[in-house]
Amino acid sequence: MSKTVVIGVSGGSASGKTTVAYRIKDAFEDSVELLSQDYYYLPYDHLPFEERIKLNYDHPNAFDTQKLISDIRTLKEGKAIERPVYSYTEYTRLSETVEVKPSKVIIVEGFMIFENSFLRDLMDIKIYVDTDADERLIRRIIRDVRERGRTLESVINQYIETVKPMHEQFVEPYKKYADIIIPRGGLNDVAIDVLVHRIQAIVDET
């Protein structure tokens, strides 16, 4: 199998990085698989629900990063993986898994994927989606209330207590490792078009 191109897409919570990742995926159709860092939240089945909701999910220790690294390496070797499935409403990993097959391009998407040097080193292209904090907060409120069943108060409290300070400590400082910084996220058509052409050139070389 030809070389697998691994693309990391990072940025603050609700920055639009998932939109960017899917626009790249749509451009390459069947040649792309997408792994979200969110799939790799650690399971906390040993804790009751009331305790799970109190945990800090915006810290690097909340993720099973070693499994994510191992899964990417396996895909690069041309082998399929069974990636985890995470429930935002139950705050834990489900028993089911999803098969992911090797492909020419693997997109790894997540707000903290540049923090780990071993994970970072697996990436051929690193993209940071840069969006203003107030816009990210508004998007997060809309998403978490509508899609994840959270209350407005809980979303704001989480933002103040963990999301903002963890962003300042573990996300924003690591954008210095990005090869490309995209302002305005998925709305930046010019940047995404340029990026898609660059990825295509790399794929054609492999």
N, C-alpha and C. Protein backbone atom coordinates (compact mmCIF):
# COMPACT_ATOMS: atom_id res chain seq x y z
N MET A 1 0.85 -1.20 0.00
CA MET A 1 0.00 0.00 0.00
C MET A 1 0.87 1.24 0.00
N SER A 2 0.46 2.28 -0.72
CA SER A 2 1.22 3.52 -0.78
C SER A 2 1.19 4.23 0.57
N LYS A 3 2.07 5.19 0.72
CA LYS A 3 2.16 5.92 1.98
C LYS A 3 0.83 6.58 2.34
N THR A 4 0.49 6.50 3.62
CA THR A 4 -0.70 7.16 4.12
C THR A 4 -0.36 8.57 4.56
N VAL A 5 -1.15 9.54 4.12
CA VAL A 5 -0.96 10.94 4.51
C VAL A 5 -1.85 11.23 5.71
N VAL A 6 -1.26 11.67 6.80
CA VAL A 6 -2.00 11.96 8.03
C VAL A 6 -2.08 13.48 8.20
N ILE A 7 -3.31 13.98 8.32
CA ILE A 7 -3.56 15.42 8.46
C ILE A 7 -4.19 15.68 9.81
N GLY A 8 -3.57 16.53 10.59
CA GLY A 8 -4.12 16.92 11.88
C GLY A 8 -4.86 18.23 11.77
N VAL A 9 -6.08 18.27 12.27
CA VAL A 9 -6.88 19.50 12.27
C VAL A 9 -7.23 19.83 13.71
N SER A 10 -6.66 20.93 14.22
CA SER A 10 -6.88 21.32 15.60
C SER A 10 -7.46 22.73 15.66
N GLY A 11 -7.73 23.18 16.89
CA GLY A 11 -8.33 24.49 17.12
C GLY A 11 -9.16 24.42 18.38
N GLY A 12 -9.57 25.55 18.88
CA GLY A 12 -10.36 25.59 20.10
C GLY A 12 -11.70 24.90 19.96
N SER A 13 -12.32 24.61 21.09
CA SER A 13 -13.64 24.00 21.09
C SER A 13 -14.63 24.86 20.31
N ALA A 14 -15.36 24.24 19.37
CA ALA A 14 -16.35 24.93 18.53
C ALA A 14 -15.72 25.97 17.61
N SER A 15 -14.47 25.76 17.23
CA SER A 15 -13.79 26.70 16.33
C SER A 15 -14.18 26.49 14.87
N GLY A 16 -14.75 25.34 14.56
CA GLY A 16 -15.06 25.00 13.18
C GLY A 16 -14.12 23.96 12.61
N LYS A 17 -13.29 23.36 13.46
CA LYS A 17 -12.31 22.37 12.97
C LYS A 17 -12.99 21.13 12.40
N THR A 18 -14.11 20.72 12.99
CA THR A 18 -14.82 19.56 12.46
C THR A 18 -15.37 19.85 11.08
N THR A 19 -15.87 21.07 10.87
CA THR A 19 -16.36 21.48 9.54
C THR A 19 -15.23 21.44 8.53
N VAL A 20 -14.07 21.96 8.90
CA VAL A 20 -12.90 21.92 8.01
C VAL A 20 -12.53 20.49 7.69
N ALA A 21 -12.50 19.63 8.71
CA ALA A 21 -12.13 18.24 8.50
C ALA A 21 -13.09 17.54 7.53
N TYR A 22 -14.40 17.78 7.69
CA TYR A 22 -15.37 17.14 6.80
C TYR A 22 -15.35 17.73 5.39
N ARG A 23 -15.01 19.00 5.27
CA ARG A 23 -14.89 19.56 3.91
C ARG A 23 -13.71 18.94 3.17
N ILE A 24 -12.63 18.67 3.89
CA ILE A 24 -11.50 17.97 3.27
C ILE A 24 -11.92 16.55 2.91
N LYS A 25 -12.60 15.90 3.84
CA LYS A 25 -13.05 14.53 3.59
C LYS A 25 -13.96 14.45 2.37
N ASP A 26 -14.89 15.39 2.27
CA ASP A 26 -15.81 15.41 1.14
C ASP A 26 -15.08 15.60 -0.19
N ALA A 27 -13.98 16.34 -0.14
CA ALA A 27 -13.23 16.60 -1.37
C ALA A 27 -12.55 15.35 -1.90
N PHE A 28 -12.22 14.41 -1.00
CA PHE A 28 -11.50 13.21 -1.42
C PHE A 28 -12.37 11.95 -1.39
N GLU A 29 -13.60 12.09 -0.94
CA GLU A 29 -14.58 11.01 -0.93
C GLU A 29 -14.03 9.74 -0.28
N ASP A 30 -13.91 8.64 -1.03
CA ASP A 30 -13.54 7.36 -0.45
C ASP A 30 -12.06 7.23 -0.09
N SER A 31 -11.26 8.23 -0.45
CA SER A 31 -9.82 8.15 -0.18
C SER A 31 -9.46 8.63 1.21
N VAL A 32 -10.45 9.03 2.02
CA VAL A 32 -10.19 9.65 3.31
C VAL A 32 -10.97 8.95 4.42
N GLU A 33 -10.30 8.73 5.56
CA GLU A 33 -10.96 8.31 6.78
C GLU A 33 -10.71 9.39 7.83
N LEU A 34 -11.67 9.57 8.73
CA LEU A 34 -11.57 10.61 9.74
C LEU A 34 -11.62 10.00 11.13
N LEU A 35 -10.64 10.37 11.96
CA LEU A 35 -10.63 9.98 13.37
C LEU A 35 -10.77 11.23 14.21
N SER A 36 -11.77 11.27 15.06
CA SER A 36 -11.93 12.39 15.98
C SER A 36 -11.32 12.04 17.33
N GLN A 37 -10.61 12.99 17.90
CA GLN A 37 -10.05 12.78 19.23
C GLN A 37 -11.16 12.49 20.24
N ASP A 38 -12.34 13.02 20.01
CA ASP A 38 -13.46 12.81 20.93
C ASP A 38 -13.84 11.33 21.06
N TYR A 39 -13.56 10.53 20.02
CA TYR A 39 -13.85 9.10 20.11
C TYR A 39 -13.02 8.46 21.23
N TYR A 40 -11.90 9.09 21.55
CA TYR A 40 -10.91 8.48 22.42
C TYR A 40 -10.92 9.03 23.85
N TYR A 41 -12.04 9.62 24.26
CA TYR A 41 -12.19 9.94 25.68
C TYR A 41 -12.08 8.63 26.48
N LEU A 42 -11.41 8.70 27.60
CA LEU A 42 -11.29 7.52 28.44
C LEU A 42 -12.65 7.11 29.00
N PRO A 43 -12.91 5.82 29.14
CA PRO A 43 -14.15 5.37 29.77
C PRO A 43 -14.04 5.49 31.29
N TYR A 44 -15.11 5.89 31.91
CA TYR A 44 -15.12 5.98 33.37
C TYR A 44 -16.30 5.18 33.92
N ASP A 45 -16.40 3.92 33.46
CA ASP A 45 -17.52 3.07 33.84
C ASP A 45 -17.53 2.77 35.34
N HIS A 46 -16.38 2.88 35.97
CA HIS A 46 -16.30 2.56 37.39
C HIS A 46 -16.89 3.67 38.27
N LEU A 47 -17.16 4.83 37.63
CA LEU A 47 -17.73 5.95 38.37
C LEU A 47 -19.22 6.09 38.08
N PRO A 48 -20.02 6.47 39.07
CA PRO A 48 -21.44 6.74 38.80
C PRO A 48 -21.59 7.99 37.93
N PHE A 49 -22.72 8.10 37.27
CA PHE A 49 -22.97 9.23 36.36
C PHE A 49 -22.75 10.56 37.05
N GLU A 50 -23.19 10.68 38.30
CA GLU A 50 -23.07 11.94 39.03
C GLU A 50 -21.62 12.36 39.21
N GLU A 51 -20.71 11.38 39.26
CA GLU A 51 -19.28 11.69 39.39
C GLU A 51 -18.65 11.95 38.03
N ARG A 52 -19.12 11.23 37.00
CA ARG A 52 -18.55 11.39 35.65
C ARG A 52 -18.75 12.81 35.13
N ILE A 53 -19.90 13.41 35.43
CA ILE A 53 -20.19 14.74 34.88
C ILE A 53 -19.34 15.81 35.54
N LYS A 54 -18.67 15.49 36.64
CA LYS A 54 -17.84 16.47 37.34
C LYS A 54 -16.40 16.47 36.85
N LEU A 55 -16.02 15.49 36.04
CA LEU A 55 -14.63 15.37 35.60
C LEU A 55 -14.25 16.47 34.61
N ASN A 56 -12.96 16.73 34.52
CA ASN A 56 -12.44 17.72 33.58
C ASN A 56 -12.16 17.04 32.24
N TYR A 57 -13.03 17.26 31.27
CA TYR A 57 -12.88 16.64 29.96
C TYR A 57 -12.09 17.52 28.98
N ASP A 58 -11.52 18.59 29.48
CA ASP A 58 -10.76 19.51 28.64
C ASP A 58 -9.28 19.49 28.99
N HIS A 59 -8.83 18.40 29.60
CA HIS A 59 -7.43 18.20 29.97
C HIS A 59 -6.88 17.02 29.17
N PRO A 60 -5.59 17.05 28.83
CA PRO A 60 -5.02 15.92 28.06
C PRO A 60 -5.23 14.56 28.71
N ASN A 61 -5.28 14.52 30.04
CA ASN A 61 -5.45 13.25 30.74
C ASN A 61 -6.84 12.64 30.56
N ALA A 62 -7.77 13.40 29.95
CA ALA A 62 -9.12 12.87 29.72
C ALA A 62 -9.16 11.91 28.52
N PHE A 63 -8.07 11.89 27.74
CA PHE A 63 -8.06 11.12 26.50
C PHE A 63 -7.16 9.89 26.59
N ASP A 64 -7.56 8.85 25.85
CA ASP A 64 -6.73 7.65 25.69
C ASP A 64 -5.82 7.89 24.49
N THR A 65 -4.86 8.78 24.67
CA THR A 65 -4.01 9.21 23.57
C THR A 65 -3.14 8.08 23.05
N GLN A 66 -2.71 7.19 23.93
CA GLN A 66 -1.87 6.07 23.48
C GLN A 66 -2.62 5.16 22.51
N LYS A 67 -3.92 4.98 22.75
CA LYS A 67 -4.70 4.16 21.81
C LYS A 67 -4.86 4.88 20.48
N LEU A 68 -5.07 6.19 20.52
CA LEU A 68 -5.18 6.95 19.28
C LEU A 68 -3.89 6.85 18.48
N ILE A 69 -2.76 6.99 19.15
CA ILE A 69 -1.46 6.86 18.47
C ILE A 69 -1.31 5.47 17.88
N SER A 70 -1.66 4.46 18.67
CA SER A 70 -1.55 3.07 18.21
C SER A 70 -2.45 2.82 17.00
N ASP A 71 -3.67 3.35 17.02
CA ASP A 71 -4.60 3.15 15.92
C ASP A 71 -4.11 3.82 14.64
N ILE A 72 -3.54 5.02 14.77
CA ILE A 72 -3.01 5.70 13.58
C ILE A 72 -1.85 4.91 12.99
N ARG A 73 -0.98 4.41 13.84
CA ARG A 73 0.16 3.61 13.36
C ARG A 73 -0.32 2.35 12.66
N THR A 74 -1.35 1.73 13.20
CA THR A 74 -1.91 0.52 12.57
C THR A 74 -2.48 0.83 11.20
N LEU A 75 -3.20 1.94 11.07
CA LEU A 75 -3.75 2.35 9.78
C LEU A 75 -2.63 2.65 8.78
N LYS A 76 -1.56 3.27 9.26
CA LYS A 76 -0.43 3.57 8.38
C LYS A 76 0.25 2.30 7.88
N GLU A 77 0.10 1.23 8.66
CA GLU A 77 0.65 -0.07 8.26
C GLU A 77 -0.26 -0.81 7.28
N GLY A 78 -1.41 -0.20 6.97
CA GLY A 78 -2.33 -0.81 6.03
C GLY A 78 -3.31 -1.78 6.65
N LYS A 79 -3.51 -1.69 7.96
CA LYS A 79 -4.41 -2.60 8.66
C LYS A 79 -5.61 -1.83 9.21
N ALA A 80 -6.76 -2.49 9.28
CA ALA A 80 -7.97 -1.86 9.81
C ALA A 80 -7.93 -1.82 11.34
N ILE A 81 -8.71 -0.90 11.90
CA ILE A 81 -8.82 -0.79 13.36
C ILE A 81 -10.30 -0.81 13.77
N GLU A 82 -10.54 -1.00 15.06
CA GLU A 82 -11.87 -0.85 15.64
C GLU A 82 -11.79 0.35 16.57
N ARG A 83 -12.32 1.48 16.11
CA ARG A 83 -12.19 2.68 16.94
C ARG A 83 -13.36 2.78 17.93
N PRO A 84 -13.13 3.42 19.06
CA PRO A 84 -14.16 3.50 20.09
C PRO A 84 -15.34 4.38 19.68
N VAL A 85 -16.43 4.25 20.41
CA VAL A 85 -17.61 5.10 20.27
C VAL A 85 -17.88 5.73 21.64
N TYR A 86 -18.00 7.05 21.67
CA TYR A 86 -18.19 7.75 22.93
C TYR A 86 -19.57 8.40 22.99
N SER A 87 -20.20 8.35 24.16
CA SER A 87 -21.51 8.96 24.35
C SER A 87 -21.37 10.24 25.17
N TYR A 88 -21.78 11.37 24.57
CA TYR A 88 -21.71 12.65 25.28
C TYR A 88 -22.81 12.77 26.34
N THR A 89 -23.86 12.01 26.18
CA THR A 89 -24.94 12.08 27.15
C THR A 89 -24.69 11.19 28.37
N GLU A 90 -23.97 10.07 28.14
CA GLU A 90 -23.65 9.16 29.24
C GLU A 90 -22.28 9.45 29.85
N TYR A 91 -21.49 10.28 29.18
CA TYR A 91 -20.14 10.63 29.65
C TYR A 91 -19.26 9.38 29.80
N THR A 92 -19.36 8.50 28.84
CA THR A 92 -18.51 7.32 28.88
C THR A 92 -18.46 6.68 27.50
N ARG A 93 -17.56 5.73 27.35
CA ARG A 93 -17.40 5.01 26.10
C ARG A 93 -18.42 3.87 26.02
N LEU A 94 -18.99 3.67 24.85
CA LEU A 94 -19.96 2.59 24.66
C LEU A 94 -19.25 1.28 24.38
N SER A 95 -19.96 0.18 24.46
CA SER A 95 -19.36 -1.14 24.25
C SER A 95 -19.12 -1.40 22.76
N GLU A 96 -19.89 -0.74 21.89
CA GLU A 96 -19.73 -0.96 20.45
C GLU A 96 -18.48 -0.26 19.92
N THR A 97 -18.01 -0.71 18.76
CA THR A 97 -16.89 -0.07 18.07
C THR A 97 -17.25 0.09 16.59
N VAL A 98 -16.45 0.87 15.88
CA VAL A 98 -16.66 1.09 14.44
C VAL A 98 -15.37 0.74 13.70
N GLU A 99 -15.50 -0.08 12.68
CA GLU A 99 -14.32 -0.45 11.90
C GLU A 99 -13.88 0.72 11.02
N VAL A 100 -12.61 1.00 11.03
CA VAL A 100 -12.02 2.02 10.17
C VAL A 100 -10.94 1.34 9.33
N LYS A 101 -11.07 1.42 8.03
CA LYS A 101 -10.12 0.77 7.14
C LYS A 101 -9.03 1.75 6.71
N PRO A 102 -7.86 1.24 6.37
CA PRO A 102 -6.77 2.12 5.93
C PRO A 102 -7.15 2.84 4.64
N SER A 103 -6.62 4.03 4.47
CA SER A 103 -6.93 4.83 3.28
C SER A 103 -5.73 5.71 2.94
N LYS A 104 -5.81 6.38 1.81
CA LYS A 104 -4.70 7.25 1.38
C LYS A 104 -4.50 8.42 2.32
N VAL A 105 -5.62 8.95 2.84
CA VAL A 105 -5.56 10.11 3.72
C VAL A 105 -6.31 9.82 5.01
N ILE A 106 -5.69 10.10 6.13
CA ILE A 106 -6.35 10.01 7.43
C ILE A 106 -6.37 11.40 8.05
N ILE A 107 -7.55 11.87 8.38
CA ILE A 107 -7.68 13.15 9.07
C ILE A 107 -7.88 12.87 10.55
N VAL A 108 -7.04 13.47 11.37
CA VAL A 108 -7.18 13.37 12.83
C VAL A 108 -7.63 14.73 13.33
N GLU A 109 -8.82 14.77 13.92
CA GLU A 109 -9.44 16.04 14.31
C GLU A 109 -9.63 16.09 15.81
N GLY A 110 -9.21 17.21 16.45
CA GLY A 110 -9.40 17.34 17.88
C GLY A 110 -8.74 18.60 18.41
N PHE A 111 -9.26 19.11 19.51
CA PHE A 111 -8.77 20.39 20.00
C PHE A 111 -7.42 20.28 20.71
N MET A 112 -7.01 19.06 21.08
CA MET A 112 -5.77 18.92 21.84
C MET A 112 -4.77 17.99 21.17
N ILE A 113 -4.89 17.78 19.87
CA ILE A 113 -4.04 16.79 19.20
C ILE A 113 -2.60 17.26 18.98
N PHE A 114 -2.33 18.56 19.10
CA PHE A 114 -0.96 19.04 18.93
C PHE A 114 -0.18 19.03 20.24
N GLU A 115 -0.87 18.80 21.36
CA GLU A 115 -0.22 18.87 22.67
C GLU A 115 0.75 17.72 22.89
N ASN A 116 0.45 16.56 22.30
CA ASN A 116 1.29 15.37 22.48
C ASN A 116 2.29 15.26 21.33
N SER A 117 3.57 15.26 21.64
CA SER A 117 4.60 15.29 20.59
C SER A 117 4.62 14.01 19.77
N PHE A 118 4.32 12.86 20.39
CA PHE A 118 4.32 11.59 19.65
C PHE A 118 3.17 11.55 18.65
N LEU A 119 2.02 12.08 19.05
CA LEU A 119 0.88 12.17 18.14
C LEU A 119 1.17 13.17 17.03
N ARG A 120 1.74 14.29 17.40
CA ARG A 120 2.08 15.34 16.43
C ARG A 120 3.03 14.83 15.36
N ASP A 121 3.99 14.01 15.77
CA ASP A 121 5.00 13.52 14.84
C ASP A 121 4.45 12.57 13.78
N LEU A 122 3.25 12.04 14.01
CA LEU A 122 2.63 11.16 13.03
C LEU A 122 1.97 11.93 11.88
N MET A 123 1.86 13.24 12.03
CA MET A 123 1.12 14.06 11.07
C MET A 123 2.02 14.64 9.99
N ASP A 124 1.56 14.54 8.73
CA ASP A 124 2.28 15.12 7.61
C ASP A 124 1.93 16.59 7.43
N ILE A 125 0.69 16.95 7.74
CA ILE A 125 0.24 18.34 7.67
C ILE A 125 -0.53 18.64 8.94
N LYS A 126 -0.20 19.77 9.55
CA LYS A 126 -0.90 20.17 10.78
C LYS A 126 -1.62 21.50 10.53
N ILE A 127 -2.93 21.49 10.77
CA ILE A 127 -3.79 22.65 10.50
C ILE A 127 -4.40 23.13 11.80
N TYR A 128 -4.36 24.44 12.01
CA TYR A 128 -5.00 25.03 13.19
C TYR A 128 -6.10 25.97 12.72
N VAL A 129 -7.31 25.75 13.22
CA VAL A 129 -8.46 26.58 12.87
C VAL A 129 -8.60 27.66 13.94
N ASP A 130 -8.43 28.90 13.55
CA ASP A 130 -8.35 30.02 14.49
C ASP A 130 -9.64 30.84 14.44
N THR A 131 -10.41 30.79 15.52
CA THR A 131 -11.70 31.48 15.58
C THR A 131 -11.78 32.25 16.90
N ASP A 132 -12.37 33.45 16.86
CA ASP A 132 -12.48 34.28 18.05
C ASP A 132 -13.19 33.54 19.19
N ALA A 133 -12.75 33.84 20.42
CA ALA A 133 -13.27 33.14 21.59
C ALA A 133 -14.77 33.34 21.78
N ASP A 134 -15.26 34.55 21.55
CA ASP A 134 -16.69 34.80 21.76
C ASP A 134 -17.54 34.01 20.77
N GLU A 135 -17.07 33.90 19.55
CA GLU A 135 -17.80 33.12 18.55
C GLU A 135 -17.78 31.63 18.90
N ARG A 136 -16.65 31.15 19.40
CA ARG A 136 -16.55 29.75 19.81
C ARG A 136 -17.50 29.44 20.96
N LEU A 137 -17.60 30.37 21.90
CA LEU A 137 -18.49 30.16 23.04
C LEU A 137 -19.95 30.09 22.59
N ILE A 138 -20.35 30.99 21.71
CA ILE A 138 -21.72 30.99 21.21
C ILE A 138 -22.03 29.68 20.49
N ARG A 139 -21.11 29.24 19.63
CA ARG A 139 -21.30 27.98 18.92
C ARG A 139 -21.41 26.81 19.90
N ARG A 140 -20.56 26.82 20.93
CA ARG A 140 -20.55 25.73 21.90
C ARG A 140 -21.87 25.66 22.65
N ILE A 141 -22.39 26.81 23.04
CA ILE A 141 -23.68 26.84 23.74
C ILE A 141 -24.78 26.25 22.87
N ILE A 142 -24.85 26.70 21.62
CA ILE A 142 -25.88 26.20 20.70
C ILE A 142 -25.75 24.69 20.50
N ARG A 143 -24.52 24.24 20.26
CA ARG A 143 -24.29 22.81 20.01
C ARG A 143 -24.62 21.95 21.22
N ASP A 144 -24.10 22.31 22.39
CA ASP A 144 -24.27 21.47 23.57
C ASP A 144 -25.70 21.44 24.07
N VAL A 145 -26.41 22.55 23.93
CA VAL A 145 -27.81 22.58 24.37
C VAL A 145 -28.69 21.79 23.40
N ARG A 146 -28.49 22.01 22.10
CA ARG A 146 -29.34 21.36 21.09
C ARG A 146 -29.00 19.89 20.88
N GLU A 147 -27.70 19.58 20.80
CA GLU A 147 -27.29 18.25 20.37
C GLU A 147 -26.91 17.33 21.52
N ARG A 148 -26.49 17.88 22.65
CA ARG A 148 -25.97 17.04 23.72
C ARG A 148 -26.79 17.10 25.00
N GLY A 149 -27.94 17.79 24.92
CA GLY A 149 -28.86 17.78 26.04
C GLY A 149 -28.38 18.50 27.29
N ARG A 150 -27.44 19.44 27.13
CA ARG A 150 -26.93 20.18 28.29
C ARG A 150 -27.80 21.40 28.56
N THR A 151 -27.72 21.89 29.79
CA THR A 151 -28.41 23.13 30.13
C THR A 151 -27.49 24.30 29.83
N LEU A 152 -28.08 25.48 29.62
CA LEU A 152 -27.29 26.68 29.36
C LEU A 152 -26.33 26.94 30.52
N GLU A 153 -26.82 26.79 31.73
CA GLU A 153 -25.98 27.06 32.91
C GLU A 153 -24.78 26.12 32.98
N SER A 154 -25.01 24.83 32.67
CA SER A 154 -23.92 23.86 32.75
C SER A 154 -22.85 24.14 31.69
N VAL A 155 -23.28 24.56 30.49
CA VAL A 155 -22.33 24.86 29.42
C VAL A 155 -21.46 26.06 29.80
N ILE A 156 -22.08 27.10 30.32
CA ILE A 156 -21.34 28.30 30.71
C ILE A 156 -20.39 28.00 31.87
N ASN A 157 -20.87 27.25 32.86
CA ASN A 157 -20.02 26.90 34.00
C ASN A 157 -18.81 26.08 33.56
N GLN A 158 -19.05 25.12 32.65
CA GLN A 158 -17.94 24.31 32.16
C GLN A 158 -16.94 25.15 31.38
N TYR A 159 -17.45 26.10 30.61
CA TYR A 159 -16.56 26.98 29.84
C TYR A 159 -15.66 27.77 30.77
N ILE A 160 -16.24 28.33 31.83
CA ILE A 160 -15.47 29.17 32.76
C ILE A 160 -14.48 28.34 33.57
N GLU A 161 -14.93 27.15 34.03
CA GLU A 161 -14.12 26.36 34.95
C GLU A 161 -13.02 25.54 34.26
N THR A 162 -13.32 25.01 33.06
CA THR A 162 -12.32 24.14 32.42
C THR A 162 -12.00 24.50 30.97
N VAL A 163 -13.01 24.80 30.15
CA VAL A 163 -12.75 24.98 28.72
C VAL A 163 -11.79 26.14 28.47
N LYS A 164 -12.08 27.29 29.03
CA LYS A 164 -11.24 28.48 28.79
C LYS A 164 -9.83 28.31 29.36
N PRO A 165 -9.68 27.93 30.65
CA PRO A 165 -8.32 27.79 31.17
C PRO A 165 -7.53 26.67 30.49
N MET A 166 -8.18 25.57 30.14
CA MET A 166 -7.47 24.48 29.46
C MET A 166 -7.09 24.88 28.03
N HIS A 167 -7.94 25.67 27.38
CA HIS A 167 -7.61 26.17 26.05
C HIS A 167 -6.35 27.02 26.11
N GLU A 168 -6.27 27.88 27.10
CA GLU A 168 -5.13 28.77 27.24
C GLU A 168 -3.85 28.01 27.59
N GLN A 169 -4.00 26.85 28.22
CA GLN A 169 -2.83 26.08 28.64
C GLN A 169 -2.41 25.01 27.65
N PHE A 170 -3.39 24.34 27.01
CA PHE A 170 -3.07 23.15 26.22
C PHE A 170 -3.44 23.24 24.74
N VAL A 171 -4.12 24.31 24.32
CA VAL A 171 -4.53 24.41 22.91
C VAL A 171 -3.85 25.57 22.23
N GLU A 172 -4.12 26.77 22.68
CA GLU A 172 -3.59 27.99 22.04
C GLU A 172 -2.06 27.97 21.92
N PRO A 173 -1.30 27.59 22.95
CA PRO A 173 0.16 27.63 22.82
C PRO A 173 0.71 26.68 21.76
N TYR A 174 -0.05 25.64 21.42
CA TYR A 174 0.46 24.62 20.50
C TYR A 174 0.14 24.91 19.04
N LYS A 175 -0.53 26.02 18.79
CA LYS A 175 -0.77 26.35 17.38
C LYS A 175 0.53 26.75 16.68
N LYS A 176 1.58 26.98 17.46
CA LYS A 176 2.89 27.29 16.87
C LYS A 176 3.42 26.11 16.05
N TYR A 177 2.89 24.91 16.30
CA TYR A 177 3.34 23.74 15.54
C TYR A 177 2.57 23.56 14.24
N ALA A 178 1.57 24.37 14.02
CA ALA A 178 0.74 24.22 12.81
C ALA A 178 1.51 24.64 11.57
N ASP A 179 1.31 23.90 10.49
CA ASP A 179 1.87 24.28 9.19
C ASP A 179 1.00 25.32 8.52
N ILE A 180 -0.30 25.24 8.80
CA ILE A 180 -1.27 26.15 8.19
C ILE A 180 -2.26 26.60 9.27
N ILE A 181 -2.52 27.91 9.34
CA ILE A 181 -3.53 28.44 10.25
C ILE A 181 -4.67 29.00 9.41
N ILE A 182 -5.88 28.51 9.68
CA ILE A 182 -7.06 28.93 8.91
C ILE A 182 -7.95 29.81 9.78
N PRO A 183 -8.05 31.09 9.48
CA PRO A 183 -9.02 31.93 10.20
C PRO A 183 -10.44 31.63 9.73
N ARG A 184 -11.41 31.81 10.62
CA ARG A 184 -12.84 31.71 10.32
C ARG A 184 -13.31 30.29 10.02
N GLY A 185 -12.47 29.31 10.23
CA GLY A 185 -12.89 27.91 10.14
C GLY A 185 -13.45 27.50 8.80
N GLY A 186 -14.58 26.79 8.85
CA GLY A 186 -15.18 26.21 7.65
C GLY A 186 -15.72 27.23 6.68
N LEU A 187 -15.78 28.50 7.08
CA LEU A 187 -16.27 29.56 6.19
C LEU A 187 -15.18 30.08 5.25
N ASN A 188 -13.94 29.69 5.49
CA ASN A 188 -12.83 30.20 4.70
C ASN A 188 -12.61 29.32 3.47
N ASP A 189 -13.40 29.60 2.42
CA ASP A 189 -13.36 28.78 1.21
C ASP A 189 -12.00 28.81 0.52
N VAL A 190 -11.36 29.97 0.49
CA VAL A 190 -10.08 30.11 -0.20
C VAL A 190 -9.03 29.21 0.46
N ALA A 191 -8.93 29.29 1.79
CA ALA A 191 -7.94 28.49 2.51
C ALA A 191 -8.18 27.00 2.32
N ILE A 192 -9.44 26.59 2.36
CA ILE A 192 -9.75 25.17 2.23
C ILE A 192 -9.44 24.68 0.81
N ASP A 193 -9.74 25.49 -0.19
CA ASP A 193 -9.43 25.11 -1.57
C ASP A 193 -7.93 24.94 -1.78
N VAL A 194 -7.15 25.87 -1.23
CA VAL A 194 -5.69 25.78 -1.33
C VAL A 194 -5.19 24.52 -0.63
N LEU A 195 -5.75 24.26 0.54
CA LEU A 195 -5.36 23.09 1.33
C LEU A 195 -5.68 21.79 0.59
N VAL A 196 -6.86 21.72 0.00
CA VAL A 196 -7.25 20.51 -0.73
C VAL A 196 -6.30 20.25 -1.90
N HIS A 197 -5.92 21.30 -2.61
CA HIS A 197 -4.98 21.14 -3.72
C HIS A 197 -3.60 20.67 -3.23
N ARG A 198 -3.19 21.17 -2.09
CA ARG A 198 -1.89 20.76 -1.53
C ARG A 198 -1.94 19.29 -1.12
N ILE A 199 -3.03 18.89 -0.49
CA ILE A 199 -3.17 17.49 -0.08
C ILE A 199 -3.19 16.59 -1.31
N GLN A 200 -3.89 17.02 -2.34
CA GLN A 200 -3.95 16.23 -3.57
C GLN A 200 -2.57 16.03 -4.17
N ALA A 201 -1.74 17.07 -4.12
CA ALA A 201 -0.38 16.97 -4.64
C ALA A 201 0.42 15.95 -3.85
N ILE A 202 0.25 15.92 -2.53
CA ILE A 202 0.96 14.95 -1.70
C ILE A 202 0.48 13.53 -1.99
N VAL A 203 -0.82 13.39 -2.13
CA VAL A 203 -1.39 12.07 -2.44
C VAL A 203 -0.87 11.57 -3.78
N ASP A 204 -0.79 12.45 -4.76
CA ASP A 204 -0.31 12.06 -6.09
C ASP A 204 1.15 11.63 -6.08
N GLU A 205 1.89 12.14 -5.11
CA GLU A 205 3.32 11.80 -5.02
C GLU A 205 3.56 10.45 -4.37
N THR A 206 2.54 9.96 -3.64
CA THR A 206 2.73 8.71 -2.89
C THR A 206 2.37 7.48 -3.73
